[in-house]
């Protein structure tokens, strides 16, 4: 098995872009709807709000690192190809897990849609960035 070397800077940029998208997605764009669907009262302030943000960034780093390896294995070297690899990874690894979990937890379809759309966008943006920066 060939081990690829990925650019730490590319992984960091990808993770930051995914993290920033999440902050905007859940903090502004879908904030009220998402909070209502998960049962968080609108005015409620989170305790230790920094902790989920740090964990989220670390998770985005892991996603970006693995996606960087998949980008290299696929041979993607353009933004368009990176977006495609990100979408394929989402369709094969993220969406099936999320829909299964959502069904068994009896979560609203709208909540699945908000969460799944975030991860689709995050994986595509990450893949596009990583391919465009040539991860090596």
N, C-alpha and C. Protein backbone atom coordinates (compact mmCIF):
# COMPACT_ATOMS: atom_id res chain seq x y z
N UNK A 1 0.84 -1.18 0.00
CA UNK A 1 0.00 0.00 0.00
C UNK A 1 0.88 1.23 0.00
N UNK A 2 0.58 2.14 -0.86
CA UNK A 2 1.36 3.37 -0.95
C UNK A 2 0.81 4.39 0.04
N UNK A 3 1.71 5.00 0.80
CA UNK A 3 1.32 6.04 1.75
C UNK A 3 1.58 7.39 1.09
N UNK A 4 0.58 8.23 1.09
CA UNK A 4 0.70 9.57 0.52
C UNK A 4 1.00 10.56 1.63
N UNK A 5 1.68 11.58 1.26
CA UNK A 5 1.93 12.68 2.18
C UNK A 5 0.98 13.81 1.80
N UNK A 6 0.25 14.27 2.77
CA UNK A 6 -0.70 15.34 2.51
C UNK A 6 -0.17 16.63 3.09
N UNK A 7 -0.60 17.71 2.51
CA UNK A 7 -0.20 19.04 2.97
C UNK A 7 -0.96 19.39 4.24
N UNK A 8 -0.24 19.59 5.35
CA UNK A 8 -0.93 19.99 6.58
C UNK A 8 -1.69 21.31 6.40
N UNK A 9 -1.14 22.22 5.62
CA UNK A 9 -1.81 23.49 5.38
C UNK A 9 -3.13 23.28 4.65
N UNK A 10 -3.14 22.43 3.64
CA UNK A 10 -4.37 22.15 2.89
C UNK A 10 -5.43 21.52 3.79
N UNK A 11 -5.00 20.60 4.65
CA UNK A 11 -5.93 19.96 5.59
C UNK A 11 -6.48 20.99 6.56
N UNK A 12 -5.63 21.88 7.04
CA UNK A 12 -6.05 22.93 7.97
C UNK A 12 -7.03 23.89 7.31
N UNK A 13 -6.75 24.30 6.08
CA UNK A 13 -7.65 25.20 5.36
C UNK A 13 -9.00 24.53 5.11
N UNK A 14 -8.98 23.27 4.72
CA UNK A 14 -10.22 22.52 4.49
C UNK A 14 -11.03 22.41 5.77
N UNK A 15 -10.37 22.05 6.86
CA UNK A 15 -11.06 21.91 8.15
C UNK A 15 -11.65 23.24 8.61
N UNK A 16 -10.90 24.31 8.43
CA UNK A 16 -11.40 25.63 8.84
C UNK A 16 -12.61 26.03 8.00
N UNK A 17 -12.56 25.75 6.71
CA UNK A 17 -13.70 26.08 5.84
C UNK A 17 -14.94 25.29 6.26
N UNK A 18 -14.77 24.01 6.58
CA UNK A 18 -15.89 23.19 7.03
C UNK A 18 -16.43 23.70 8.36
N UNK A 19 -15.53 24.05 9.27
CA UNK A 19 -15.91 24.56 10.58
C UNK A 19 -16.67 25.89 10.46
N UNK A 20 -16.16 26.77 9.61
CA UNK A 20 -16.81 28.06 9.40
C UNK A 20 -18.19 27.87 8.78
N UNK A 21 -18.31 26.96 7.82
CA UNK A 21 -19.60 26.65 7.23
C UNK A 21 -20.57 26.17 8.31
N UNK A 22 -20.10 25.30 9.21
CA UNK A 22 -20.95 24.80 10.29
C UNK A 22 -21.41 25.92 11.21
N UNK A 23 -20.50 26.83 11.54
CA UNK A 23 -20.84 27.96 12.41
C UNK A 23 -21.92 28.82 11.76
N UNK A 24 -21.78 29.05 10.46
CA UNK A 24 -22.79 29.84 9.74
C UNK A 24 -24.09 29.07 9.57
N UNK A 25 -23.97 27.80 9.22
CA UNK A 25 -25.12 26.94 8.94
C UNK A 25 -26.03 26.81 10.17
N UNK A 26 -25.41 26.43 11.29
CA UNK A 26 -26.18 26.19 12.51
C UNK A 26 -26.34 27.43 13.39
N UNK A 27 -25.46 28.40 13.22
CA UNK A 27 -25.51 29.59 14.05
C UNK A 27 -26.34 30.72 13.47
N UNK A 28 -26.53 30.70 12.15
CA UNK A 28 -27.26 31.80 11.52
C UNK A 28 -28.32 31.31 10.55
N UNK A 29 -27.94 30.58 9.53
CA UNK A 29 -28.87 30.22 8.45
C UNK A 29 -30.03 29.36 8.96
N UNK A 30 -29.74 28.27 9.68
CA UNK A 30 -30.78 27.36 10.15
C UNK A 30 -30.93 27.36 11.67
N UNK A 31 -30.42 28.38 12.31
CA UNK A 31 -30.38 28.42 13.78
C UNK A 31 -31.74 28.17 14.43
N UNK A 32 -32.72 28.98 14.12
CA UNK A 32 -34.02 28.87 14.77
C UNK A 32 -34.68 27.53 14.46
N UNK A 33 -34.66 27.14 13.20
CA UNK A 33 -35.31 25.88 12.80
C UNK A 33 -34.61 24.68 13.42
N UNK A 34 -33.27 24.67 13.39
CA UNK A 34 -32.49 23.56 13.96
C UNK A 34 -32.74 23.45 15.46
N UNK A 35 -32.69 24.59 16.17
CA UNK A 35 -32.92 24.57 17.62
C UNK A 35 -34.31 24.03 17.94
N UNK A 36 -35.31 24.45 17.19
CA UNK A 36 -36.67 23.95 17.41
C UNK A 36 -36.75 22.45 17.18
N UNK A 37 -36.10 21.96 16.14
CA UNK A 37 -36.15 20.54 15.81
C UNK A 37 -35.43 19.67 16.83
N UNK A 38 -34.37 20.19 17.46
CA UNK A 38 -33.66 19.40 18.47
C UNK A 38 -34.13 19.69 19.88
N UNK A 39 -35.05 20.64 20.02
CA UNK A 39 -35.64 20.91 21.31
C UNK A 39 -34.87 21.86 22.21
N UNK A 40 -34.07 22.74 21.63
CA UNK A 40 -33.34 23.74 22.41
C UNK A 40 -34.14 25.03 22.37
N UNK A 41 -34.53 25.54 23.54
CA UNK A 41 -35.27 26.82 23.55
C UNK A 41 -34.44 27.93 22.92
N UNK A 42 -35.07 28.79 22.15
CA UNK A 42 -34.38 29.83 21.39
C UNK A 42 -33.49 30.73 22.24
N UNK A 43 -33.92 31.14 23.42
CA UNK A 43 -33.13 32.06 24.22
C UNK A 43 -32.08 31.40 25.08
N UNK A 44 -32.05 30.08 25.12
CA UNK A 44 -31.14 29.36 26.00
C UNK A 44 -29.68 29.51 25.56
N UNK A 45 -28.84 29.87 26.52
CA UNK A 45 -27.40 29.99 26.25
C UNK A 45 -26.73 28.67 26.60
N UNK A 46 -25.83 28.22 25.75
CA UNK A 46 -25.12 26.97 25.99
C UNK A 46 -24.04 27.16 27.05
N UNK A 47 -23.91 26.18 27.94
CA UNK A 47 -22.82 26.19 28.91
C UNK A 47 -21.56 25.75 28.17
N UNK A 48 -20.45 26.36 28.51
CA UNK A 48 -19.17 26.00 27.89
C UNK A 48 -19.30 25.90 26.37
N UNK A 49 -19.80 26.94 25.75
CA UNK A 49 -20.04 26.95 24.30
C UNK A 49 -18.78 26.70 23.50
N UNK A 50 -17.62 26.95 24.07
CA UNK A 50 -16.36 26.74 23.36
C UNK A 50 -16.09 25.26 23.13
N UNK A 51 -16.57 24.39 24.04
CA UNK A 51 -16.25 22.96 23.94
C UNK A 51 -16.78 22.31 22.66
N UNK A 52 -18.07 22.47 22.34
CA UNK A 52 -18.53 21.87 21.08
C UNK A 52 -17.85 22.47 19.84
N UNK A 53 -17.46 23.74 19.93
CA UNK A 53 -16.78 24.36 18.78
C UNK A 53 -15.39 23.74 18.58
N UNK A 54 -14.69 23.47 19.69
CA UNK A 54 -13.36 22.83 19.60
C UNK A 54 -13.50 21.41 19.08
N UNK A 55 -14.46 20.66 19.63
CA UNK A 55 -14.68 19.28 19.19
C UNK A 55 -15.06 19.26 17.71
N UNK A 56 -15.89 20.20 17.30
CA UNK A 56 -16.29 20.30 15.90
C UNK A 56 -15.08 20.54 15.00
N UNK A 57 -14.18 21.43 15.41
CA UNK A 57 -13.00 21.70 14.60
C UNK A 57 -12.10 20.47 14.51
N UNK A 58 -11.94 19.77 15.61
CA UNK A 58 -11.12 18.54 15.60
C UNK A 58 -11.75 17.50 14.67
N UNK A 59 -13.07 17.37 14.73
CA UNK A 59 -13.76 16.43 13.84
C UNK A 59 -13.57 16.84 12.38
N UNK A 60 -13.63 18.14 12.10
CA UNK A 60 -13.40 18.62 10.73
C UNK A 60 -11.96 18.35 10.29
N UNK A 61 -11.02 18.41 11.21
CA UNK A 61 -9.62 18.06 10.88
C UNK A 61 -9.52 16.59 10.47
N UNK A 62 -10.18 15.72 11.20
CA UNK A 62 -10.15 14.29 10.89
C UNK A 62 -10.80 14.04 9.52
N UNK A 63 -11.97 14.63 9.30
CA UNK A 63 -12.66 14.48 8.01
C UNK A 63 -11.75 14.96 6.88
N UNK A 64 -11.12 16.11 7.08
CA UNK A 64 -10.26 16.69 6.03
C UNK A 64 -9.03 15.83 5.77
N UNK A 65 -8.45 15.28 6.82
CA UNK A 65 -7.27 14.42 6.65
C UNK A 65 -7.62 13.17 5.85
N UNK A 66 -8.71 12.53 6.20
CA UNK A 66 -9.11 11.32 5.47
C UNK A 66 -9.53 11.67 4.05
N UNK A 67 -10.25 12.75 3.90
CA UNK A 67 -10.66 13.20 2.56
C UNK A 67 -9.44 13.53 1.70
N UNK A 68 -8.39 14.08 2.31
CA UNK A 68 -7.16 14.38 1.57
C UNK A 68 -6.55 13.11 0.98
N UNK A 69 -6.55 12.04 1.77
CA UNK A 69 -6.02 10.77 1.26
C UNK A 69 -6.90 10.23 0.14
N UNK A 70 -8.21 10.33 0.28
CA UNK A 70 -9.11 9.85 -0.77
C UNK A 70 -8.97 10.69 -2.04
N UNK A 71 -8.76 11.98 -1.87
CA UNK A 71 -8.53 12.86 -3.03
C UNK A 71 -7.28 12.39 -3.77
N UNK A 72 -6.22 12.11 -3.03
CA UNK A 72 -4.99 11.66 -3.69
C UNK A 72 -5.18 10.31 -4.36
N UNK A 73 -5.82 9.37 -3.67
CA UNK A 73 -6.05 8.05 -4.27
C UNK A 73 -6.88 8.14 -5.52
N UNK A 74 -7.80 9.10 -5.57
CA UNK A 74 -8.66 9.24 -6.74
C UNK A 74 -7.95 9.92 -7.90
N UNK A 75 -6.87 10.62 -7.60
CA UNK A 75 -6.16 11.36 -8.64
C UNK A 75 -6.78 12.70 -8.94
N UNK A 76 -7.69 13.17 -8.11
CA UNK A 76 -8.36 14.46 -8.34
C UNK A 76 -7.36 15.60 -8.16
N UNK A 77 -7.27 16.46 -9.17
CA UNK A 77 -6.33 17.59 -9.11
C UNK A 77 -6.98 18.92 -9.45
N UNK A 78 -8.32 18.93 -9.51
CA UNK A 78 -9.00 20.18 -9.80
C UNK A 78 -10.14 20.37 -8.79
N UNK A 79 -10.58 21.60 -8.68
CA UNK A 79 -11.69 21.92 -7.78
C UNK A 79 -12.91 21.06 -8.13
N UNK A 80 -13.23 20.96 -9.42
CA UNK A 80 -14.40 20.19 -9.86
C UNK A 80 -14.30 18.72 -9.44
N UNK A 81 -13.13 18.13 -9.65
CA UNK A 81 -12.96 16.72 -9.27
C UNK A 81 -13.01 16.55 -7.75
N UNK A 82 -12.47 17.51 -7.01
CA UNK A 82 -12.53 17.46 -5.55
C UNK A 82 -13.95 17.56 -5.03
N UNK A 83 -14.75 18.43 -5.65
CA UNK A 83 -16.16 18.54 -5.28
C UNK A 83 -16.87 17.20 -5.51
N UNK A 84 -16.54 16.57 -6.62
CA UNK A 84 -17.15 15.28 -6.96
C UNK A 84 -16.77 14.21 -5.94
N UNK A 85 -15.49 14.13 -5.60
CA UNK A 85 -15.04 13.13 -4.61
C UNK A 85 -15.73 13.39 -3.27
N UNK A 86 -15.82 14.65 -2.87
CA UNK A 86 -16.52 14.98 -1.63
C UNK A 86 -17.97 14.53 -1.66
N UNK A 87 -18.65 14.76 -2.79
CA UNK A 87 -20.05 14.36 -2.93
C UNK A 87 -20.21 12.84 -2.90
N UNK A 88 -19.30 12.14 -3.57
CA UNK A 88 -19.35 10.67 -3.59
C UNK A 88 -19.10 10.10 -2.19
N UNK A 89 -18.14 10.69 -1.47
CA UNK A 89 -17.88 10.24 -0.09
C UNK A 89 -19.11 10.48 0.79
N UNK A 90 -19.75 11.62 0.62
CA UNK A 90 -20.97 11.91 1.38
C UNK A 90 -22.05 10.88 1.05
N UNK A 91 -22.26 10.62 -0.24
CA UNK A 91 -23.32 9.71 -0.67
C UNK A 91 -23.06 8.28 -0.20
N UNK A 92 -21.79 7.90 -0.10
CA UNK A 92 -21.47 6.52 0.27
C UNK A 92 -21.24 6.28 1.75
N UNK A 93 -20.74 7.30 2.45
CA UNK A 93 -20.36 7.09 3.84
C UNK A 93 -21.18 7.89 4.85
N UNK A 94 -21.60 9.06 4.50
CA UNK A 94 -22.28 9.94 5.45
C UNK A 94 -23.80 9.78 5.38
N UNK A 95 -24.38 9.96 4.21
CA UNK A 95 -25.84 9.94 4.07
C UNK A 95 -26.47 8.63 4.54
N UNK A 96 -25.94 7.46 4.16
CA UNK A 96 -26.57 6.22 4.62
C UNK A 96 -26.56 6.07 6.14
N UNK A 97 -25.47 6.47 6.78
CA UNK A 97 -25.38 6.39 8.23
C UNK A 97 -26.37 7.36 8.88
N UNK A 98 -26.41 8.57 8.35
CA UNK A 98 -27.30 9.58 8.93
C UNK A 98 -28.77 9.21 8.76
N UNK A 99 -29.16 8.70 7.60
CA UNK A 99 -30.57 8.39 7.39
C UNK A 99 -30.99 7.21 8.26
N UNK A 100 -30.12 6.23 8.40
CA UNK A 100 -30.42 5.08 9.25
C UNK A 100 -30.59 5.53 10.71
N UNK A 101 -29.65 6.32 11.19
CA UNK A 101 -29.72 6.82 12.56
C UNK A 101 -30.97 7.67 12.75
N UNK A 102 -31.26 8.51 11.80
CA UNK A 102 -32.43 9.39 11.89
C UNK A 102 -33.73 8.60 11.95
N UNK A 103 -33.82 7.56 11.17
CA UNK A 103 -35.03 6.73 11.16
C UNK A 103 -35.20 6.00 12.49
N UNK A 104 -34.13 5.38 12.98
CA UNK A 104 -34.24 4.65 14.24
C UNK A 104 -34.49 5.57 15.44
N UNK A 105 -33.97 6.79 15.38
CA UNK A 105 -34.19 7.75 16.46
C UNK A 105 -35.50 8.52 16.30
N UNK A 106 -36.20 8.24 15.21
CA UNK A 106 -37.49 8.88 14.91
C UNK A 106 -37.36 10.40 14.89
N UNK A 107 -36.30 10.85 14.25
CA UNK A 107 -36.06 12.28 14.11
C UNK A 107 -36.86 12.83 12.93
N UNK A 108 -37.22 14.11 12.98
CA UNK A 108 -37.95 14.71 11.86
C UNK A 108 -37.11 14.73 10.58
N UNK A 109 -37.77 14.54 9.46
CA UNK A 109 -37.09 14.57 8.17
C UNK A 109 -36.40 15.92 7.95
N UNK A 110 -37.02 16.99 8.43
CA UNK A 110 -36.42 18.32 8.27
C UNK A 110 -35.09 18.42 9.00
N UNK A 111 -34.96 17.78 10.15
CA UNK A 111 -33.69 17.78 10.87
C UNK A 111 -32.63 17.00 10.08
N UNK A 112 -33.03 15.85 9.54
CA UNK A 112 -32.12 15.10 8.68
C UNK A 112 -31.66 15.95 7.50
N UNK A 113 -32.60 16.66 6.89
CA UNK A 113 -32.27 17.48 5.73
C UNK A 113 -31.26 18.58 6.08
N UNK A 114 -31.45 19.25 7.20
CA UNK A 114 -30.52 20.31 7.61
C UNK A 114 -29.13 19.73 7.86
N UNK A 115 -29.08 18.64 8.63
CA UNK A 115 -27.78 18.04 8.97
C UNK A 115 -27.10 17.42 7.75
N UNK A 116 -27.85 16.69 6.96
CA UNK A 116 -27.26 16.03 5.78
C UNK A 116 -26.79 17.05 4.76
N UNK A 117 -27.55 18.11 4.57
CA UNK A 117 -27.13 19.14 3.61
C UNK A 117 -25.85 19.83 4.07
N UNK A 118 -25.73 20.05 5.39
CA UNK A 118 -24.48 20.62 5.90
C UNK A 118 -23.30 19.73 5.54
N UNK A 119 -23.44 18.43 5.82
CA UNK A 119 -22.31 17.53 5.56
C UNK A 119 -22.02 17.37 4.07
N UNK A 120 -23.05 17.43 3.24
CA UNK A 120 -22.81 17.40 1.80
C UNK A 120 -21.98 18.61 1.39
N UNK A 121 -22.40 19.78 1.83
CA UNK A 121 -21.66 21.00 1.50
C UNK A 121 -20.24 20.96 2.07
N UNK A 122 -20.11 20.52 3.33
CA UNK A 122 -18.80 20.48 3.98
C UNK A 122 -17.85 19.53 3.25
N UNK A 123 -18.35 18.36 2.87
CA UNK A 123 -17.49 17.38 2.18
C UNK A 123 -17.12 17.88 0.78
N UNK A 124 -18.05 18.51 0.10
CA UNK A 124 -17.74 19.03 -1.23
C UNK A 124 -16.75 20.19 -1.16
N UNK A 125 -16.98 21.11 -0.24
CA UNK A 125 -16.06 22.24 -0.09
C UNK A 125 -14.68 21.74 0.31
N UNK A 126 -14.64 20.83 1.27
CA UNK A 126 -13.36 20.25 1.68
C UNK A 126 -12.65 19.55 0.53
N UNK A 127 -13.39 18.75 -0.21
CA UNK A 127 -12.80 18.05 -1.35
C UNK A 127 -12.30 19.00 -2.42
N UNK A 128 -13.08 20.06 -2.68
CA UNK A 128 -12.65 21.04 -3.67
C UNK A 128 -11.38 21.75 -3.25
N UNK A 129 -11.31 22.15 -1.99
CA UNK A 129 -10.11 22.84 -1.47
C UNK A 129 -8.91 21.92 -1.54
N UNK A 130 -9.09 20.69 -1.07
CA UNK A 130 -7.95 19.75 -1.02
C UNK A 130 -7.43 19.42 -2.42
N UNK A 131 -8.33 19.18 -3.37
CA UNK A 131 -7.89 18.88 -4.73
C UNK A 131 -7.24 20.09 -5.37
N UNK A 132 -7.81 21.26 -5.11
CA UNK A 132 -7.28 22.48 -5.70
C UNK A 132 -5.89 22.82 -5.16
N UNK A 133 -5.66 22.51 -3.90
CA UNK A 133 -4.34 22.75 -3.30
C UNK A 133 -3.40 21.57 -3.52
N UNK A 134 -3.87 20.59 -4.26
CA UNK A 134 -3.07 19.41 -4.65
C UNK A 134 -2.52 18.60 -3.48
N UNK A 135 -3.13 18.69 -2.34
CA UNK A 135 -2.82 17.99 -1.09
C UNK A 135 -1.43 17.38 -0.93
N UNK A 136 -0.57 17.47 -1.87
CA UNK A 136 0.75 16.88 -1.68
C UNK A 136 1.83 17.92 -1.65
